[in-house]
Amino acid sequence: MMRLTVRVHPRSAKPRVAWDGSIVDVWVAAPPAEGRANEAVVRMLASWLDVAPSSIRIASGHRSRVKVVEIEGGTLAR
């Protein structure tokens, strides 16, 4: 299992993912309401890491812009 610290940027004009070696920045178009941004983050990370969305779990930071996510089967060989 891999753990990542993720910084979320909701309501972004251009969804994207960037990694600086210590933290993953995820820009999503979804607003931070009713879990929509969290769902978008999971989808973006799943696509970026080429894993199923079901293998990604937000471990902490459900209501924060900085989150810790756990991923089964992903690698950061970028």
N, C-alpha and C. Protein backbone atom coordinates (compact mmCIF):
# COMPACT_ATOMS: atom_id res chain seq x y z
N MET A 1 0.84 -1.18 0.00
CA MET A 1 0.00 0.00 0.00
C MET A 1 0.89 1.24 0.00
N MET A 2 0.49 2.20 -0.78
CA MET A 2 1.22 3.45 -0.89
C MET A 2 0.38 4.55 -0.24
N ARG A 3 1.04 5.44 0.50
CA ARG A 3 0.36 6.59 1.10
C ARG A 3 0.92 7.86 0.48
N LEU A 4 0.02 8.76 0.12
CA LEU A 4 0.42 10.04 -0.47
C LEU A 4 -0.23 11.19 0.26
N THR A 5 0.50 12.29 0.35
CA THR A 5 -0.10 13.54 0.81
C THR A 5 -0.55 14.29 -0.43
N VAL A 6 -1.80 14.70 -0.42
CA VAL A 6 -2.41 15.33 -1.60
C VAL A 6 -2.93 16.71 -1.20
N ARG A 7 -2.60 17.72 -2.00
CA ARG A 7 -3.15 19.06 -1.82
C ARG A 7 -4.16 19.28 -2.93
N VAL A 8 -5.40 19.59 -2.55
CA VAL A 8 -6.50 19.71 -3.51
C VAL A 8 -6.76 21.19 -3.82
N HIS A 9 -6.98 21.47 -5.10
CA HIS A 9 -7.33 22.81 -5.56
C HIS A 9 -8.70 22.71 -6.24
N PRO A 10 -9.80 22.89 -5.49
CA PRO A 10 -11.13 22.76 -6.08
C PRO A 10 -11.48 23.96 -6.96
N ARG A 11 -12.51 23.78 -7.77
CA ARG A 11 -13.02 24.83 -8.68
C ARG A 11 -11.93 25.36 -9.62
N SER A 12 -11.11 24.48 -10.10
CA SER A 12 -10.04 24.88 -11.03
C SER A 12 -10.54 24.85 -12.46
N ALA A 13 -10.04 25.76 -13.26
CA ALA A 13 -10.45 25.83 -14.66
C ALA A 13 -9.89 24.66 -15.47
N LYS A 14 -8.69 24.20 -15.10
CA LYS A 14 -8.05 23.12 -15.86
C LYS A 14 -7.67 21.98 -14.91
N PRO A 15 -8.42 20.88 -14.91
CA PRO A 15 -8.07 19.75 -14.04
C PRO A 15 -6.72 19.15 -14.44
N ARG A 16 -5.87 18.89 -13.44
CA ARG A 16 -4.56 18.30 -13.70
C ARG A 16 -3.97 17.77 -12.41
N VAL A 17 -2.89 17.02 -12.54
CA VAL A 17 -2.18 16.44 -11.40
C VAL A 17 -0.70 16.76 -11.57
N ALA A 18 -0.05 17.17 -10.48
CA ALA A 18 1.39 17.43 -10.50
C ALA A 18 2.01 16.86 -9.23
N TRP A 19 3.22 16.34 -9.36
CA TRP A 19 3.93 15.76 -8.22
C TRP A 19 5.30 16.39 -8.13
N ASP A 20 5.66 16.92 -6.94
CA ASP A 20 6.97 17.54 -6.78
C ASP A 20 7.96 16.67 -6.01
N GLY A 21 7.60 15.41 -5.79
CA GLY A 21 8.48 14.50 -5.07
C GLY A 21 8.06 14.26 -3.64
N SER A 22 7.28 15.19 -3.06
CA SER A 22 6.84 15.00 -1.69
C SER A 22 5.33 15.13 -1.52
N ILE A 23 4.71 15.91 -2.36
CA ILE A 23 3.27 16.13 -2.27
C ILE A 23 2.68 16.12 -3.68
N VAL A 24 1.48 15.60 -3.79
CA VAL A 24 0.78 15.56 -5.08
C VAL A 24 -0.25 16.69 -5.06
N ASP A 25 -0.21 17.56 -6.04
CA ASP A 25 -1.21 18.62 -6.20
C ASP A 25 -2.23 18.14 -7.22
N VAL A 26 -3.51 18.25 -6.86
CA VAL A 26 -4.59 17.83 -7.76
C VAL A 26 -5.55 19.00 -7.92
N TRP A 27 -5.70 19.47 -9.15
CA TRP A 27 -6.64 20.53 -9.48
C TRP A 27 -7.88 19.87 -10.07
N VAL A 28 -9.05 20.16 -9.49
CA VAL A 28 -10.31 19.58 -9.97
C VAL A 28 -11.33 20.70 -10.19
N ALA A 29 -12.24 20.47 -11.12
CA ALA A 29 -13.27 21.46 -11.42
C ALA A 29 -14.39 21.44 -10.39
N ALA A 30 -14.56 20.34 -9.69
CA ALA A 30 -15.66 20.17 -8.74
C ALA A 30 -15.52 21.11 -7.55
N PRO A 31 -16.65 21.57 -7.02
CA PRO A 31 -16.62 22.42 -5.82
C PRO A 31 -16.40 21.57 -4.57
N PRO A 32 -15.91 22.18 -3.50
CA PRO A 32 -15.69 21.44 -2.26
C PRO A 32 -16.97 21.32 -1.43
N ALA A 33 -17.99 20.75 -2.01
CA ALA A 33 -19.28 20.61 -1.33
C ALA A 33 -19.83 19.21 -1.55
N GLU A 34 -20.39 18.65 -0.51
CA GLU A 34 -21.05 17.34 -0.57
C GLU A 34 -20.13 16.24 -1.10
N GLY A 35 -18.84 16.36 -0.86
CA GLY A 35 -17.90 15.32 -1.26
C GLY A 35 -17.57 15.28 -2.74
N ARG A 36 -18.05 16.26 -3.51
CA ARG A 36 -17.80 16.24 -4.96
C ARG A 36 -16.33 16.39 -5.31
N ALA A 37 -15.62 17.28 -4.61
CA ALA A 37 -14.19 17.44 -4.90
C ALA A 37 -13.43 16.18 -4.51
N ASN A 38 -13.80 15.54 -3.41
CA ASN A 38 -13.14 14.29 -3.01
C ASN A 38 -13.33 13.21 -4.07
N GLU A 39 -14.54 13.08 -4.59
CA GLU A 39 -14.80 12.09 -5.64
C GLU A 39 -13.97 12.39 -6.88
N ALA A 40 -13.88 13.67 -7.24
CA ALA A 40 -13.08 14.06 -8.40
C ALA A 40 -11.60 13.77 -8.18
N VAL A 41 -11.12 14.00 -6.97
CA VAL A 41 -9.71 13.71 -6.65
C VAL A 41 -9.43 12.22 -6.82
N VAL A 42 -10.33 11.38 -6.32
CA VAL A 42 -10.14 9.93 -6.44
C VAL A 42 -10.10 9.53 -7.91
N ARG A 43 -11.01 10.08 -8.72
CA ARG A 43 -11.02 9.75 -10.16
C ARG A 43 -9.74 10.22 -10.85
N MET A 44 -9.29 11.44 -10.53
CA MET A 44 -8.08 11.98 -11.16
C MET A 44 -6.85 11.15 -10.77
N LEU A 45 -6.72 10.82 -9.49
CA LEU A 45 -5.58 10.02 -9.05
C LEU A 45 -5.61 8.63 -9.67
N ALA A 46 -6.80 8.03 -9.77
CA ALA A 46 -6.92 6.70 -10.37
C ALA A 46 -6.45 6.73 -11.82
N SER A 47 -6.85 7.75 -12.55
CA SER A 47 -6.42 7.87 -13.94
C SER A 47 -4.91 8.11 -14.03
N TRP A 48 -4.40 8.99 -13.20
CA TRP A 48 -2.98 9.35 -13.21
C TRP A 48 -2.09 8.17 -12.84
N LEU A 49 -2.54 7.36 -11.87
CA LEU A 49 -1.75 6.21 -11.41
C LEU A 49 -2.08 4.92 -12.15
N ASP A 50 -3.09 4.97 -13.02
CA ASP A 50 -3.54 3.81 -13.78
C ASP A 50 -3.96 2.66 -12.84
N VAL A 51 -4.83 3.01 -11.88
CA VAL A 51 -5.42 2.03 -10.97
C VAL A 51 -6.93 2.25 -10.95
N ALA A 52 -7.66 1.30 -10.40
CA ALA A 52 -9.11 1.44 -10.27
C ALA A 52 -9.43 2.44 -9.16
N PRO A 53 -10.47 3.26 -9.36
CA PRO A 53 -10.86 4.19 -8.30
C PRO A 53 -11.16 3.49 -6.97
N SER A 54 -11.61 2.25 -7.03
CA SER A 54 -11.92 1.51 -5.80
C SER A 54 -10.67 1.17 -5.00
N SER A 55 -9.49 1.30 -5.60
CA SER A 55 -8.25 1.00 -4.87
C SER A 55 -7.69 2.23 -4.16
N ILE A 56 -8.40 3.36 -4.25
CA ILE A 56 -7.96 4.60 -3.61
C ILE A 56 -8.92 4.94 -2.48
N ARG A 57 -8.34 5.26 -1.31
CA ARG A 57 -9.15 5.60 -0.15
C ARG A 57 -8.56 6.85 0.50
N ILE A 58 -9.41 7.81 0.82
CA ILE A 58 -8.96 8.99 1.56
C ILE A 58 -8.88 8.59 3.02
N ALA A 59 -7.65 8.55 3.56
CA ALA A 59 -7.43 8.10 4.93
C ALA A 59 -7.68 9.22 5.94
N SER A 60 -7.33 10.45 5.58
CA SER A 60 -7.59 11.58 6.47
C SER A 60 -7.70 12.85 5.64
N GLY A 61 -8.35 13.85 6.20
CA GLY A 61 -8.51 15.12 5.51
C GLY A 61 -9.74 15.21 4.64
N HIS A 62 -10.80 14.48 4.99
CA HIS A 62 -12.02 14.48 4.18
C HIS A 62 -12.59 15.89 3.99
N ARG A 63 -12.39 16.76 4.96
CA ARG A 63 -12.93 18.12 4.87
C ARG A 63 -11.83 19.17 4.80
N SER A 64 -10.65 18.75 4.37
CA SER A 64 -9.50 19.64 4.29
C SER A 64 -8.94 19.61 2.87
N ARG A 65 -8.21 20.65 2.52
CA ARG A 65 -7.57 20.66 1.19
C ARG A 65 -6.33 19.78 1.16
N VAL A 66 -5.75 19.52 2.31
CA VAL A 66 -4.60 18.61 2.39
C VAL A 66 -5.11 17.28 2.92
N LYS A 67 -4.88 16.23 2.16
CA LYS A 67 -5.41 14.90 2.48
C LYS A 67 -4.29 13.88 2.46
N VAL A 68 -4.52 12.77 3.14
CA VAL A 68 -3.66 11.60 3.03
C VAL A 68 -4.50 10.53 2.37
N VAL A 69 -4.00 10.00 1.25
CA VAL A 69 -4.73 8.95 0.55
C VAL A 69 -3.90 7.67 0.55
N GLU A 70 -4.60 6.55 0.58
CA GLU A 70 -3.97 5.24 0.52
C GLU A 70 -4.34 4.60 -0.80
N ILE A 71 -3.34 4.04 -1.47
CA ILE A 71 -3.55 3.45 -2.79
C ILE A 71 -3.01 2.03 -2.79
N GLU A 72 -3.83 1.11 -3.26
CA GLU A 72 -3.41 -0.29 -3.44
C GLU A 72 -2.95 -0.46 -4.88
N GLY A 73 -1.71 -0.87 -5.08
CA GLY A 73 -1.23 -1.23 -6.40
C GLY A 73 -0.72 -0.10 -7.27
N GLY A 74 -0.59 1.11 -6.78
CA GLY A 74 -0.10 2.21 -7.59
C GLY A 74 1.38 2.45 -7.39
N THR A 75 2.02 3.08 -8.37
CA THR A 75 3.42 3.47 -8.25
C THR A 75 3.57 4.90 -8.74
N LEU A 76 4.63 5.55 -8.30
CA LEU A 76 4.90 6.92 -8.74
C LEU A 76 6.11 6.96 -9.67
N ALA A 77 6.23 6.01 -10.54
CA ALA A 77 7.33 5.96 -11.50
C ALA A 77 7.04 6.92 -12.64
N ARG A 78 7.15 8.20 -12.39
CA ARG A 78 6.84 9.23 -13.38
C ARG A 78 8.10 9.95 -13.78
